[in-house]
Amino acid sequence: MITIASYLKYIASDYWSLKLYNDYGIKVELDNGVTEGHSIIRQIFNILNPISTSLIKDCGINIIFIRSDMGRNRPFYPNHGYYSGNLIALNENIFHEPDLPDDFIDHRGYFITRPEQTLLHEFGHSYDEHRGNLSLKSDWLKLSGWSEVPQPGLKRLHIQELGAPEIVGEWYYNPEIEDGGFTRFYAKRNPWDDWADSFSFFVADRKNKLPPNKLIYFNKLLKKYY
């Protein structure tokens, strides 16, 4: 039996799905078990809406898949989303608990939500890859002193959270380089996560969270969109 509530939910979901497809050419797919799908799709559209349409399209994403089986989001557990080819998969829980975990909080309170940062981070991975892996070019690597092999003075990220697998950075960075800081801990894993994280903060208009040298880099790289 179709109730008024279920009909309104269908209309809302269909409306925002059509908006995303018509504006960006992006199809949203919901995994079995995903709840409040219409709200999630609306949140996705509202995150992308302030950003240049041409920039979003140039990332090459055609599908956003909302998964119901990725588990609860936690501060140091990378199960919030991932990018693969022309698809971004997102954990539905980041939309139900948008302010958890609390690795985006400072003395002013929350300054970016988990859905916003995760979605734009994955768009950053896509933009990076579609332009020949910009994150592995020398002009980016030098900004934080990235090295694939250990060298004197360089560090590698190590995080061990109770009940979660250990996270070890794949590359080494220079903690002493002037202005070579990071948006957050996750960006210290490797240059491509550093790039995608910086991209997410830049396009979300959290430019004050970027170190000066990376702000200059993205101002130059993305100037045609702004």
N, C-alpha and C. Protein backbone atom coordinates (compact mmCIF):
# COMPACT_ATOMS: atom_id res chain seq x y z
N MET A 1 0.84 -1.20 0.00
CA MET A 1 0.00 0.00 0.00
C MET A 1 0.88 1.26 0.00
N ILE A 2 0.62 2.19 -0.88
CA ILE A 2 1.39 3.43 -0.95
C ILE A 2 0.71 4.47 -0.07
N THR A 3 1.45 4.91 0.96
CA THR A 3 0.95 5.94 1.86
C THR A 3 1.36 7.31 1.34
N ILE A 4 0.75 8.35 1.90
CA ILE A 4 1.12 9.71 1.52
C ILE A 4 2.59 9.98 1.87
N ALA A 5 3.02 9.47 3.04
CA ALA A 5 4.40 9.69 3.47
C ALA A 5 5.39 9.03 2.51
N SER A 6 5.11 7.76 2.13
CA SER A 6 6.03 7.07 1.23
C SER A 6 6.02 7.71 -0.15
N TYR A 7 4.87 8.23 -0.58
CA TYR A 7 4.80 8.89 -1.89
C TYR A 7 5.63 10.19 -1.88
N LEU A 8 5.51 10.97 -0.80
CA LEU A 8 6.29 12.20 -0.70
C LEU A 8 7.78 11.90 -0.64
N LYS A 9 8.16 10.82 0.04
CA LYS A 9 9.56 10.42 0.10
C LYS A 9 10.07 10.07 -1.28
N TYR A 10 9.26 9.36 -2.07
CA TYR A 10 9.65 8.99 -3.43
C TYR A 10 9.82 10.24 -4.29
N ILE A 11 8.88 11.17 -4.19
CA ILE A 11 8.94 12.39 -4.99
C ILE A 11 10.20 13.18 -4.65
N ALA A 12 10.52 13.30 -3.35
CA ALA A 12 11.70 14.04 -2.93
C ALA A 12 12.97 13.39 -3.47
N SER A 13 13.05 12.07 -3.35
CA SER A 13 14.22 11.35 -3.83
C SER A 13 14.37 11.51 -5.33
N ASP A 14 13.25 11.36 -6.04
CA ASP A 14 13.29 11.47 -7.50
C ASP A 14 13.69 12.89 -7.91
N TYR A 15 13.19 13.91 -7.22
CA TYR A 15 13.49 15.30 -7.56
C TYR A 15 14.99 15.57 -7.46
N TRP A 16 15.59 15.20 -6.31
CA TRP A 16 17.01 15.49 -6.12
C TRP A 16 17.88 14.62 -7.00
N SER A 17 17.45 13.40 -7.28
CA SER A 17 18.18 12.54 -8.21
C SER A 17 18.21 13.17 -9.60
N LEU A 18 17.06 13.68 -10.03
CA LEU A 18 16.99 14.32 -11.34
C LEU A 18 17.84 15.59 -11.38
N LYS A 19 17.85 16.34 -10.29
CA LYS A 19 18.67 17.55 -10.23
C LYS A 19 20.14 17.22 -10.40
N LEU A 20 20.61 16.20 -9.69
CA LEU A 20 22.01 15.80 -9.79
C LEU A 20 22.36 15.33 -11.19
N TYR A 21 21.46 14.59 -11.79
CA TYR A 21 21.73 14.07 -13.13
C TYR A 21 21.68 15.18 -14.18
N ASN A 22 20.68 16.03 -14.08
CA ASN A 22 20.54 17.10 -15.06
C ASN A 22 21.64 18.15 -14.95
N ASP A 23 22.06 18.46 -13.72
CA ASP A 23 23.06 19.51 -13.52
C ASP A 23 24.49 19.02 -13.71
N TYR A 24 24.75 17.77 -13.31
CA TYR A 24 26.13 17.28 -13.29
C TYR A 24 26.35 15.99 -14.06
N GLY A 25 25.27 15.36 -14.54
CA GLY A 25 25.43 14.08 -15.20
C GLY A 25 25.78 12.96 -14.25
N ILE A 26 25.40 13.10 -12.97
CA ILE A 26 25.73 12.12 -11.94
C ILE A 26 24.48 11.36 -11.53
N LYS A 27 24.57 10.05 -11.54
CA LYS A 27 23.50 9.17 -11.09
C LYS A 27 23.79 8.70 -9.67
N VAL A 28 22.80 8.75 -8.81
CA VAL A 28 22.95 8.27 -7.44
C VAL A 28 22.26 6.92 -7.30
N GLU A 29 22.99 5.96 -6.75
CA GLU A 29 22.43 4.63 -6.51
C GLU A 29 22.46 4.34 -5.02
N LEU A 30 21.38 3.77 -4.50
CA LEU A 30 21.26 3.45 -3.08
C LEU A 30 21.36 1.95 -2.86
N ASP A 31 22.24 1.55 -1.97
CA ASP A 31 22.39 0.14 -1.60
C ASP A 31 21.14 -0.33 -0.87
N ASN A 32 20.89 -1.63 -0.91
CA ASN A 32 19.80 -2.20 -0.12
C ASN A 32 20.03 -1.89 1.35
N GLY A 33 19.02 -1.43 2.02
CA GLY A 33 19.14 -1.14 3.45
C GLY A 33 19.43 0.30 3.77
N VAL A 34 19.74 1.12 2.77
CA VAL A 34 19.99 2.54 3.02
C VAL A 34 18.68 3.20 3.45
N THR A 35 18.74 3.96 4.54
CA THR A 35 17.57 4.66 5.04
C THR A 35 17.69 6.15 4.75
N GLU A 36 16.55 6.81 4.64
CA GLU A 36 16.49 8.25 4.38
C GLU A 36 17.26 8.63 3.11
N GLY A 37 17.07 7.81 2.08
CA GLY A 37 17.78 8.06 0.82
C GLY A 37 17.49 9.42 0.23
N HIS A 38 16.24 9.90 0.33
CA HIS A 38 15.91 11.21 -0.23
C HIS A 38 16.68 12.32 0.45
N SER A 39 16.86 12.20 1.76
CA SER A 39 17.62 13.21 2.51
C SER A 39 19.10 13.18 2.12
N ILE A 40 19.64 11.99 1.94
CA ILE A 40 21.04 11.85 1.56
C ILE A 40 21.29 12.47 0.19
N ILE A 41 20.42 12.18 -0.76
CA ILE A 41 20.59 12.72 -2.11
C ILE A 41 20.47 14.24 -2.10
N ARG A 42 19.56 14.75 -1.29
CA ARG A 42 19.43 16.21 -1.17
C ARG A 42 20.70 16.82 -0.57
N GLN A 43 21.29 16.16 0.44
CA GLN A 43 22.52 16.66 1.03
C GLN A 43 23.65 16.68 0.02
N ILE A 44 23.73 15.65 -0.80
CA ILE A 44 24.77 15.59 -1.82
C ILE A 44 24.63 16.76 -2.79
N PHE A 45 23.40 17.01 -3.24
CA PHE A 45 23.19 18.14 -4.15
C PHE A 45 23.58 19.46 -3.49
N ASN A 46 23.20 19.64 -2.23
CA ASN A 46 23.49 20.89 -1.54
C ASN A 46 24.98 21.09 -1.31
N ILE A 47 25.74 20.01 -1.18
CA ILE A 47 27.19 20.12 -1.04
C ILE A 47 27.82 20.56 -2.36
N LEU A 48 27.34 20.00 -3.46
CA LEU A 48 27.93 20.31 -4.77
C LEU A 48 27.44 21.64 -5.33
N ASN A 49 26.25 22.06 -4.96
CA ASN A 49 25.61 23.22 -5.59
C ASN A 49 26.44 24.51 -5.56
N PRO A 50 27.15 24.84 -4.44
CA PRO A 50 27.92 26.10 -4.43
C PRO A 50 29.18 26.06 -5.30
N ILE A 51 29.59 24.89 -5.74
CA ILE A 51 30.86 24.72 -6.45
C ILE A 51 30.62 24.88 -7.95
N SER A 52 31.64 25.36 -8.65
CA SER A 52 31.55 25.52 -10.10
C SER A 52 31.08 24.23 -10.77
N THR A 53 30.03 24.34 -11.57
CA THR A 53 29.49 23.17 -12.28
C THR A 53 30.54 22.55 -13.19
N SER A 54 31.31 23.37 -13.86
CA SER A 54 32.33 22.84 -14.77
C SER A 54 33.42 22.10 -14.01
N LEU A 55 33.76 22.56 -12.81
CA LEU A 55 34.75 21.85 -12.00
C LEU A 55 34.23 20.48 -11.60
N ILE A 56 32.99 20.40 -11.16
CA ILE A 56 32.41 19.11 -10.78
C ILE A 56 32.39 18.17 -11.98
N LYS A 57 31.98 18.67 -13.13
CA LYS A 57 31.93 17.82 -14.33
C LYS A 57 33.34 17.37 -14.74
N ASP A 58 34.32 18.24 -14.57
CA ASP A 58 35.68 17.90 -14.98
C ASP A 58 36.32 16.83 -14.08
N CYS A 59 35.69 16.54 -12.95
CA CYS A 59 36.19 15.46 -12.09
C CYS A 59 35.89 14.09 -12.68
N GLY A 60 34.94 14.00 -13.60
CA GLY A 60 34.67 12.76 -14.30
C GLY A 60 33.86 11.73 -13.54
N ILE A 61 33.13 12.16 -12.52
CA ILE A 61 32.31 11.23 -11.74
C ILE A 61 30.93 11.09 -12.38
N ASN A 62 30.50 9.86 -12.61
CA ASN A 62 29.19 9.59 -13.19
C ASN A 62 28.22 8.93 -12.21
N ILE A 63 28.76 8.28 -11.18
CA ILE A 63 27.92 7.53 -10.24
C ILE A 63 28.37 7.82 -8.81
N ILE A 64 27.41 8.08 -7.94
CA ILE A 64 27.65 8.11 -6.50
C ILE A 64 26.81 7.00 -5.89
N PHE A 65 27.48 6.07 -5.23
CA PHE A 65 26.82 4.88 -4.67
C PHE A 65 26.82 4.99 -3.16
N ILE A 66 25.66 5.00 -2.55
CA ILE A 66 25.53 5.07 -1.09
C ILE A 66 25.44 3.66 -0.54
N ARG A 67 26.43 3.27 0.26
CA ARG A 67 26.50 1.91 0.78
C ARG A 67 25.99 1.85 2.22
N SER A 68 25.34 0.72 2.53
CA SER A 68 24.77 0.53 3.87
C SER A 68 25.59 -0.42 4.73
N ASP A 69 26.70 -0.93 4.20
CA ASP A 69 27.43 -2.01 4.87
C ASP A 69 28.86 -1.64 5.25
N MET A 70 29.15 -0.35 5.41
CA MET A 70 30.54 0.07 5.66
C MET A 70 30.83 0.33 7.13
N GLY A 71 29.83 0.19 8.00
CA GLY A 71 30.07 0.31 9.43
C GLY A 71 30.04 1.74 9.93
N ARG A 72 30.13 1.88 11.24
CA ARG A 72 30.07 3.19 11.91
C ARG A 72 31.34 3.98 11.62
N ASN A 73 31.19 5.28 11.33
CA ASN A 73 32.36 6.11 11.10
C ASN A 73 33.03 6.47 12.42
N ARG A 74 34.37 6.42 12.39
CA ARG A 74 35.17 6.69 13.58
C ARG A 74 36.35 7.57 13.18
N PRO A 75 37.00 8.23 14.16
CA PRO A 75 38.04 9.21 13.82
C PRO A 75 39.16 8.69 12.94
N PHE A 76 39.71 7.54 13.25
CA PHE A 76 40.90 7.07 12.54
C PHE A 76 40.63 5.81 11.73
N TYR A 77 39.42 5.61 11.34
CA TYR A 77 39.06 4.41 10.58
C TYR A 77 38.59 4.84 9.20
N PRO A 78 39.33 4.52 8.16
CA PRO A 78 39.03 5.05 6.82
C PRO A 78 37.91 4.30 6.10
N ASN A 79 36.72 4.35 6.65
CA ASN A 79 35.59 3.64 6.03
C ASN A 79 34.48 4.61 5.66
N HIS A 80 34.85 5.84 5.36
CA HIS A 80 33.83 6.85 5.09
C HIS A 80 33.45 6.90 3.61
N GLY A 81 34.36 6.52 2.75
CA GLY A 81 34.08 6.53 1.33
C GLY A 81 35.32 6.18 0.53
N TYR A 82 35.14 5.97 -0.76
CA TYR A 82 36.29 5.72 -1.63
C TYR A 82 35.94 6.07 -3.07
N TYR A 83 36.98 6.23 -3.87
CA TYR A 83 36.84 6.57 -5.28
C TYR A 83 37.39 5.43 -6.13
N SER A 84 36.70 5.13 -7.21
CA SER A 84 37.18 4.09 -8.14
C SER A 84 36.66 4.41 -9.54
N GLY A 85 37.57 4.78 -10.43
CA GLY A 85 37.19 5.08 -11.81
C GLY A 85 36.27 6.28 -11.88
N ASN A 86 35.05 6.06 -12.35
CA ASN A 86 34.07 7.16 -12.46
C ASN A 86 33.03 7.10 -11.34
N LEU A 87 33.34 6.35 -10.27
CA LEU A 87 32.37 6.12 -9.18
C LEU A 87 32.93 6.57 -7.84
N ILE A 88 32.07 7.16 -7.04
CA ILE A 88 32.37 7.43 -5.64
C ILE A 88 31.38 6.64 -4.79
N ALA A 89 31.88 5.86 -3.85
CA ALA A 89 31.04 5.15 -2.88
C ALA A 89 31.15 5.86 -1.54
N LEU A 90 30.01 6.03 -0.87
CA LEU A 90 29.96 6.71 0.42
C LEU A 90 29.24 5.86 1.45
N ASN A 91 29.71 5.93 2.67
CA ASN A 91 29.09 5.26 3.80
C ASN A 91 27.84 6.06 4.22
N GLU A 92 26.70 5.41 4.23
CA GLU A 92 25.47 6.15 4.59
C GLU A 92 25.54 6.78 5.97
N ASN A 93 26.35 6.19 6.87
CA ASN A 93 26.39 6.69 8.24
C ASN A 93 26.97 8.10 8.35
N ILE A 94 27.78 8.51 7.37
CA ILE A 94 28.32 9.88 7.45
C ILE A 94 27.21 10.91 7.28
N PHE A 95 26.09 10.52 6.69
CA PHE A 95 24.97 11.44 6.53
C PHE A 95 24.05 11.42 7.75
N HIS A 96 23.99 10.30 8.45
CA HIS A 96 23.16 10.20 9.65
C HIS A 96 23.86 10.80 10.86
N GLU A 97 25.20 10.82 10.83
CA GLU A 97 25.99 11.40 11.93
C GLU A 97 27.01 12.37 11.34
N PRO A 98 26.55 13.49 10.82
CA PRO A 98 27.43 14.37 10.04
C PRO A 98 28.55 15.03 10.82
N ASP A 99 28.42 15.13 12.14
CA ASP A 99 29.46 15.76 12.95
C ASP A 99 30.33 14.75 13.68
N LEU A 100 30.24 13.48 13.29
CA LEU A 100 31.10 12.46 13.87
C LEU A 100 31.91 11.82 12.75
N PRO A 101 33.15 11.43 13.03
CA PRO A 101 33.92 11.68 14.24
C PRO A 101 34.36 13.14 14.36
N ASP A 102 35.09 13.46 15.41
CA ASP A 102 35.34 14.87 15.71
C ASP A 102 36.72 15.36 15.28
N ASP A 103 37.22 14.87 14.15
CA ASP A 103 38.53 15.33 13.69
C ASP A 103 38.43 16.59 12.84
N PHE A 104 37.26 17.23 12.81
CA PHE A 104 37.09 18.52 12.14
C PHE A 104 36.55 19.54 13.13
N ILE A 105 37.17 19.62 14.26
CA ILE A 105 36.73 20.54 15.30
C ILE A 105 37.93 21.31 15.83
N ASP A 106 37.77 22.59 16.06
CA ASP A 106 38.81 23.37 16.71
C ASP A 106 38.15 24.29 17.74
N HIS A 107 38.86 25.34 18.17
CA HIS A 107 38.33 26.18 19.24
C HIS A 107 37.04 26.90 18.85
N ARG A 108 36.73 26.93 17.54
CA ARG A 108 35.49 27.58 17.09
C ARG A 108 34.35 26.59 16.91
N GLY A 109 34.62 25.31 17.16
CA GLY A 109 33.60 24.30 16.94
C GLY A 109 33.79 23.61 15.60
N TYR A 110 32.75 22.95 15.12
CA TYR A 110 32.83 22.23 13.86
C TYR A 110 32.90 23.23 12.70
N PHE A 111 33.83 22.98 11.78
CA PHE A 111 33.97 23.89 10.66
C PHE A 111 33.74 23.22 9.31
N ILE A 112 33.55 21.91 9.29
CA ILE A 112 33.18 21.22 8.06
C ILE A 112 32.52 19.90 8.49
N THR A 113 31.51 19.48 7.79
CA THR A 113 30.84 18.25 8.16
C THR A 113 31.49 17.05 7.47
N ARG A 114 31.29 15.90 8.05
CA ARG A 114 31.83 14.67 7.48
C ARG A 114 31.32 14.41 6.05
N PRO A 115 30.02 14.55 5.75
CA PRO A 115 29.59 14.31 4.37
C PRO A 115 30.26 15.26 3.37
N GLU A 116 30.36 16.53 3.74
CA GLU A 116 30.96 17.51 2.83
C GLU A 116 32.42 17.18 2.55
N GLN A 117 33.18 16.95 3.61
CA GLN A 117 34.60 16.70 3.41
C GLN A 117 34.84 15.39 2.68
N THR A 118 34.12 14.34 3.05
CA THR A 118 34.33 13.04 2.42
C THR A 118 34.00 13.08 0.93
N LEU A 119 32.85 13.63 0.59
CA LEU A 119 32.44 13.70 -0.81
C LEU A 119 33.44 14.49 -1.64
N LEU A 120 33.84 15.66 -1.16
CA LEU A 120 34.74 16.50 -1.93
C LEU A 120 36.16 15.93 -1.97
N HIS A 121 36.55 15.24 -0.91
CA HIS A 121 37.84 14.54 -0.91
C HIS A 121 37.89 13.51 -2.06
N GLU A 122 36.82 12.75 -2.21
CA GLU A 122 36.79 11.73 -3.27
C GLU A 122 36.71 12.38 -4.66
N PHE A 123 36.01 13.48 -4.78
CA PHE A 123 36.04 14.23 -6.04
C PHE A 123 37.46 14.69 -6.34
N GLY A 124 38.19 15.07 -5.29
CA GLY A 124 39.58 15.47 -5.47
C GLY A 124 40.44 14.35 -6.02
N HIS A 125 40.26 13.14 -5.52
CA HIS A 125 40.99 11.99 -6.06
C HIS A 125 40.72 11.83 -7.56
N SER A 126 39.47 11.99 -7.94
CA SER A 126 39.10 11.82 -9.34
C SER A 126 39.72 12.90 -10.21
N TYR A 127 39.64 14.15 -9.76
CA TYR A 127 40.23 15.25 -10.53
C TYR A 127 41.74 15.04 -10.68
N ASP A 128 42.37 14.65 -9.60
CA ASP A 128 43.82 14.38 -9.60
C ASP A 128 44.18 13.32 -10.64
N GLU A 129 43.48 12.20 -10.60
CA GLU A 129 43.80 11.09 -11.50
C GLU A 129 43.49 11.42 -12.95
N HIS A 130 42.38 12.11 -13.20
CA HIS A 130 41.99 12.44 -14.57
C HIS A 130 42.95 13.45 -15.21
N ARG A 131 43.79 14.08 -14.43
CA ARG A 131 44.76 15.01 -14.97
C ARG A 131 46.19 14.50 -14.84
N GLY A 132 46.31 13.18 -14.85
CA GLY A 132 47.64 12.56 -14.90
C GLY A 132 48.34 12.47 -13.57
N ASN A 133 47.58 12.31 -12.48
CA ASN A 133 48.14 12.17 -11.14
C ASN A 133 49.00 13.37 -10.75
N LEU A 134 48.33 14.50 -10.62
CA LEU A 134 49.01 15.73 -10.23
C LEU A 134 49.70 15.61 -8.88
N SER A 135 49.17 14.76 -8.02
CA SER A 135 49.71 14.60 -6.67
C SER A 135 51.09 13.96 -6.66
N LEU A 136 51.49 13.37 -7.76
CA LEU A 136 52.81 12.73 -7.83
C LEU A 136 53.81 13.56 -8.65
N LYS A 137 53.40 14.76 -9.04
CA LYS A 137 54.31 15.66 -9.75
C LYS A 137 55.20 16.40 -8.75
N SER A 138 56.36 16.79 -9.23
CA SER A 138 57.36 17.38 -8.33
C SER A 138 56.88 18.67 -7.68
N ASP A 139 56.05 19.47 -8.38
CA ASP A 139 55.62 20.74 -7.79
C ASP A 139 54.71 20.54 -6.59
N TRP A 140 54.00 19.39 -6.54
CA TRP A 140 53.21 19.08 -5.34
C TRP A 140 54.06 18.39 -4.28
N LEU A 141 54.87 17.43 -4.66
CA LEU A 141 55.66 16.67 -3.70
C LEU A 141 56.55 17.57 -2.85
N LYS A 142 57.08 18.63 -3.44
CA LYS A 142 58.02 19.48 -2.72
C LYS A 142 57.35 20.30 -1.62
N LEU A 143 56.01 20.47 -1.71
CA LEU A 143 55.33 21.33 -0.75
C LEU A 143 55.37 20.77 0.67
N SER A 144 55.41 19.45 0.80
CA SER A 144 55.55 18.84 2.13
C SER A 144 56.76 17.92 2.21
N GLY A 145 57.64 18.01 1.23
CA GLY A 145 58.85 17.19 1.25
C GLY A 145 58.58 15.71 1.12
N TRP A 146 57.56 15.33 0.35
CA TRP A 146 57.17 13.93 0.24
C TRP A 146 58.28 13.08 -0.37
N SER A 147 58.45 11.88 0.20
CA SER A 147 59.40 10.90 -0.31
C SER A 147 58.82 9.51 -0.16
N GLU A 148 58.98 8.69 -1.19
CA GLU A 148 58.47 7.32 -1.14
C GLU A 148 59.35 6.42 -0.28
N VAL A 149 60.58 6.84 -0.03
CA VAL A 149 61.53 6.04 0.76
C VAL A 149 61.97 6.85 1.97
N PRO A 150 62.36 6.19 3.07
CA PRO A 150 62.78 6.92 4.27
C PRO A 150 64.05 7.72 4.01
N GLN A 151 64.08 8.91 4.59
CA GLN A 151 65.24 9.78 4.51
C GLN A 151 65.42 10.48 5.85
N PRO A 152 66.63 10.92 6.17
CA PRO A 152 66.85 11.61 7.45
C PRO A 152 65.93 12.80 7.62
N GLY A 153 65.29 12.89 8.77
CA GLY A 153 64.42 14.01 9.09
C GLY A 153 62.98 13.86 8.66
N LEU A 154 62.69 12.82 7.88
CA LEU A 154 61.32 12.63 7.43
C LEU A 154 60.55 11.72 8.38
N LYS A 155 59.23 11.87 8.40
CA LYS A 155 58.36 11.08 9.29
C LYS A 155 57.34 10.32 8.47
N ARG A 156 56.79 9.28 9.10
CA ARG A 156 55.70 8.53 8.48
C ARG A 156 54.57 8.42 9.50
N LEU A 157 53.35 8.55 9.03
CA LEU A 157 52.18 8.54 9.91
C LEU A 157 51.96 7.14 10.51
N HIS A 158 51.70 7.09 11.82
CA HIS A 158 51.32 5.86 12.51
C HIS A 158 50.15 6.19 13.43
N ILE A 159 49.04 5.49 13.27
CA ILE A 159 47.88 5.66 14.15
C ILE A 159 47.35 4.29 14.52
N GLN A 160 47.18 4.06 15.81
CA GLN A 160 46.57 2.82 16.28
C GLN A 160 45.40 3.17 17.17
N GLU A 161 44.20 2.96 16.68
CA GLU A 161 42.99 3.22 17.45
C GLU A 161 42.48 1.91 18.02
N LEU A 162 42.02 1.93 19.25
CA LEU A 162 41.52 0.74 19.90
C LEU A 162 40.42 0.10 19.07
N GLY A 163 40.58 -1.18 18.73
CA GLY A 163 39.56 -1.91 18.00
C GLY A 163 39.58 -1.69 16.51
N ALA A 164 40.58 -0.98 15.99
CA ALA A 164 40.65 -0.70 14.55
C ALA A 164 42.04 -1.06 14.05
N PRO A 165 42.18 -1.39 12.78
CA PRO A 165 43.50 -1.71 12.22
C PRO A 165 44.45 -0.52 12.32
N GLU A 166 45.73 -0.81 12.44
CA GLU A 166 46.73 0.25 12.47
C GLU A 166 46.79 0.94 11.11
N ILE A 167 46.91 2.25 11.14
CA ILE A 167 47.07 3.03 9.92
C ILE A 167 48.52 3.49 9.84
N VAL A 168 49.18 3.12 8.77
CA VAL A 168 50.58 3.50 8.55
C VAL A 168 50.67 4.23 7.23
N GLY A 169 51.29 5.40 7.24
CA GLY A 169 51.44 6.17 6.03
C GLY A 169 52.29 5.46 4.99
N GLU A 170 51.90 5.57 3.74
CA GLU A 170 52.64 4.90 2.66
C GLU A 170 53.89 5.68 2.27
N TRP A 171 53.89 7.00 2.48
CA TRP A 171 55.02 7.85 2.12
C TRP A 171 55.52 8.59 3.36
N TYR A 172 56.66 9.24 3.21
CA TYR A 172 57.30 10.01 4.28
C TYR A 172 57.22 11.50 3.95
N TYR A 173 57.01 12.31 4.98
CA TYR A 173 56.92 13.76 4.79
C TYR A 173 57.90 14.48 5.71
N ASN A 174 58.15 15.73 5.39
CA ASN A 174 59.10 16.53 6.16
C ASN A 174 58.34 17.42 7.13
N PRO A 175 58.39 17.14 8.44
CA PRO A 175 57.63 17.95 9.39
C PRO A 175 58.23 19.33 9.63
N GLU A 176 59.44 19.57 9.12
CA GLU A 176 60.13 20.82 9.38
C GLU A 176 59.99 21.83 8.25
N ILE A 177 59.44 21.40 7.11
CA ILE A 177 59.39 22.31 5.96
C ILE A 177 58.45 23.47 6.24
N GLU A 178 58.88 24.67 5.93
CA GLU A 178 58.09 25.86 6.22
C GLU A 178 56.81 25.87 5.39
N ASP A 179 55.70 26.12 6.05
CA ASP A 179 54.37 26.18 5.41
C ASP A 179 53.94 24.84 4.82
N GLY A 180 54.61 23.76 5.14
CA GLY A 180 54.28 22.47 4.54
C GLY A 180 53.32 21.65 5.36
N GLY A 181 52.39 22.32 6.04
CA GLY A 181 51.47 21.63 6.92
C GLY A 181 50.37 20.89 6.17
N PHE A 182 49.40 20.40 6.95
CA PHE A 182 48.35 19.56 6.40
C PHE A 182 46.98 20.00 6.90
N THR A 183 45.95 19.67 6.15
CA THR A 183 44.60 19.99 6.56
C THR A 183 44.19 19.23 7.81
N ARG A 184 44.63 17.96 7.92
CA ARG A 184 44.32 17.12 9.08
C ARG A 184 45.23 15.89 9.03
N PHE A 185 45.09 15.00 10.01
CA PHE A 185 45.98 13.85 10.11
C PHE A 185 45.96 12.97 8.87
N TYR A 186 44.78 12.77 8.27
CA TYR A 186 44.64 11.82 7.16
C TYR A 186 45.50 12.22 5.97
N ALA A 187 45.70 13.51 5.79
CA ALA A 187 46.50 13.99 4.66
C ALA A 187 47.97 13.62 4.79
N LYS A 188 48.40 13.18 5.97
CA LYS A 188 49.80 12.80 6.17
C LYS A 188 50.11 11.39 5.72
N ARG A 189 49.13 10.68 5.20
CA ARG A 189 49.35 9.30 4.78
C ARG A 189 50.21 9.20 3.53
N ASN A 190 49.93 10.04 2.56
CA ASN A 190 50.60 9.96 1.26
C ASN A 190 50.28 11.23 0.48
N PRO A 191 50.99 11.50 -0.61
CA PRO A 191 50.75 12.75 -1.34
C PRO A 191 49.40 12.84 -2.02
N TRP A 192 48.81 11.69 -2.41
CA TRP A 192 47.51 11.76 -3.09
C TRP A 192 46.38 12.05 -2.12
N ASP A 193 46.45 11.54 -0.88
CA ASP A 193 45.45 11.91 0.12
C ASP A 193 45.67 13.35 0.59
N ASP A 194 46.91 13.76 0.65
CA ASP A 194 47.21 15.16 0.95
C ASP A 194 46.60 16.07 -0.11
N TRP A 195 46.75 15.69 -1.38
CA TRP A 195 46.21 16.48 -2.49
C TRP A 195 44.68 16.52 -2.42
N ALA A 196 44.05 15.36 -2.27
CA ALA A 196 42.59 15.30 -2.26
C ALA A 196 42.01 16.03 -1.06
N ASP A 197 42.67 15.94 0.09
CA ASP A 197 42.18 16.63 1.28
C ASP A 197 42.29 18.14 1.11
N SER A 198 43.41 18.60 0.55
CA SER A 198 43.59 20.02 0.30
C SER A 198 42.56 20.52 -0.71
N PHE A 199 42.30 19.72 -1.74
CA PHE A 199 41.27 20.05 -2.73
C PHE A 199 39.92 20.22 -2.05
N SER A 200 39.58 19.30 -1.15
CA SER A 200 38.26 19.34 -0.51
C SER A 200 38.09 20.61 0.32
N PHE A 201 39.12 21.01 1.04
CA PHE A 201 39.03 22.21 1.86
C PHE A 201 38.99 23.47 0.99
N PHE A 202 39.72 23.44 -0.13
CA PHE A 202 39.75 24.59 -1.02
C PHE A 202 38.38 24.81 -1.66
N VAL A 203 37.81 23.77 -2.27
CA VAL A 203 36.54 23.95 -2.99
C VAL A 203 35.36 24.12 -2.04
N ALA A 204 35.52 23.68 -0.78
CA ALA A 204 34.47 23.91 0.22
C ALA A 204 34.59 25.28 0.85
N ASP A 205 35.49 26.10 0.33
CA ASP A 205 35.73 27.46 0.81
C ASP A 205 36.18 27.49 2.27
N ARG A 206 37.01 26.49 2.62
CA ARG A 206 37.70 26.51 3.92
C ARG A 206 39.18 26.78 3.66
N LYS A 207 39.45 27.78 2.84
CA LYS A 207 40.81 28.07 2.41
C LYS A 207 41.71 28.46 3.57
N ASN A 208 41.13 29.00 4.65
CA ASN A 208 41.94 29.38 5.81
C ASN A 208 42.52 28.17 6.52
N LYS A 209 42.05 26.95 6.17
CA LYS A 209 42.57 25.73 6.77
C LYS A 209 43.74 25.15 5.97
N LEU A 210 44.06 25.76 4.83
CA LEU A 210 45.17 25.27 4.02
C LEU A 210 46.46 25.98 4.40
N PRO A 211 47.59 25.26 4.42
CA PRO A 211 48.87 25.95 4.60
C PRO A 211 49.12 26.88 3.42
N PRO A 212 49.84 27.98 3.62
CA PRO A 212 49.98 28.99 2.57
C PRO A 212 50.51 28.47 1.24
N ASN A 213 51.49 27.56 1.27
CA ASN A 213 52.04 27.09 -0.01
C ASN A 213 51.03 26.26 -0.80
N LYS A 214 50.16 25.53 -0.12
CA LYS A 214 49.15 24.73 -0.81
C LYS A 214 47.98 25.60 -1.27
N LEU A 215 47.72 26.67 -0.55
CA LEU A 215 46.70 27.62 -1.00
C LEU A 215 47.15 28.29 -2.31
N ILE A 216 48.40 28.67 -2.40
CA ILE A 216 48.94 29.25 -3.63
C ILE A 216 48.83 28.25 -4.77
N TYR A 217 49.16 27.00 -4.50
CA TYR A 217 49.10 25.95 -5.52
C TYR A 217 47.70 25.82 -6.10
N PHE A 218 46.68 25.72 -5.23
CA PHE A 218 45.32 25.51 -5.71
C PHE A 218 44.72 26.78 -6.31
N ASN A 219 45.11 27.94 -5.81
CA ASN A 219 44.66 29.18 -6.44
C ASN A 219 45.10 29.22 -7.90
N LYS A 220 46.30 28.79 -8.16
CA LYS A 220 46.83 28.78 -9.52
C LYS A 220 46.19 27.67 -10.36
N LEU A 221 46.08 26.47 -9.77
CA LEU A 221 45.57 25.32 -10.51
C LEU A 221 44.11 25.48 -10.91
N LEU A 222 43.29 25.99 -10.01
CA LEU A 222 41.84 26.03 -10.22
C LEU A 222 41.30 27.42 -10.56
N LYS A 223 42.16 28.33 -10.91
CA LYS A 223 41.73 29.71 -11.14
C LYS A 223 40.70 29.82 -12.26
N LYS A 224 40.73 28.92 -13.22
CA LYS A 224 39.77 29.02 -14.33
C LYS A 224 38.34 28.74 -13.90
N TYR A 225 38.17 28.15 -12.72
CA TYR A 225 36.83 27.84 -12.23
C TYR A 225 36.27 28.94 -11.31
N TYR A 226 37.11 29.90 -10.96
CA TYR A 226 36.69 30.89 -9.96
C TYR A 226 36.87 32.31 -10.48
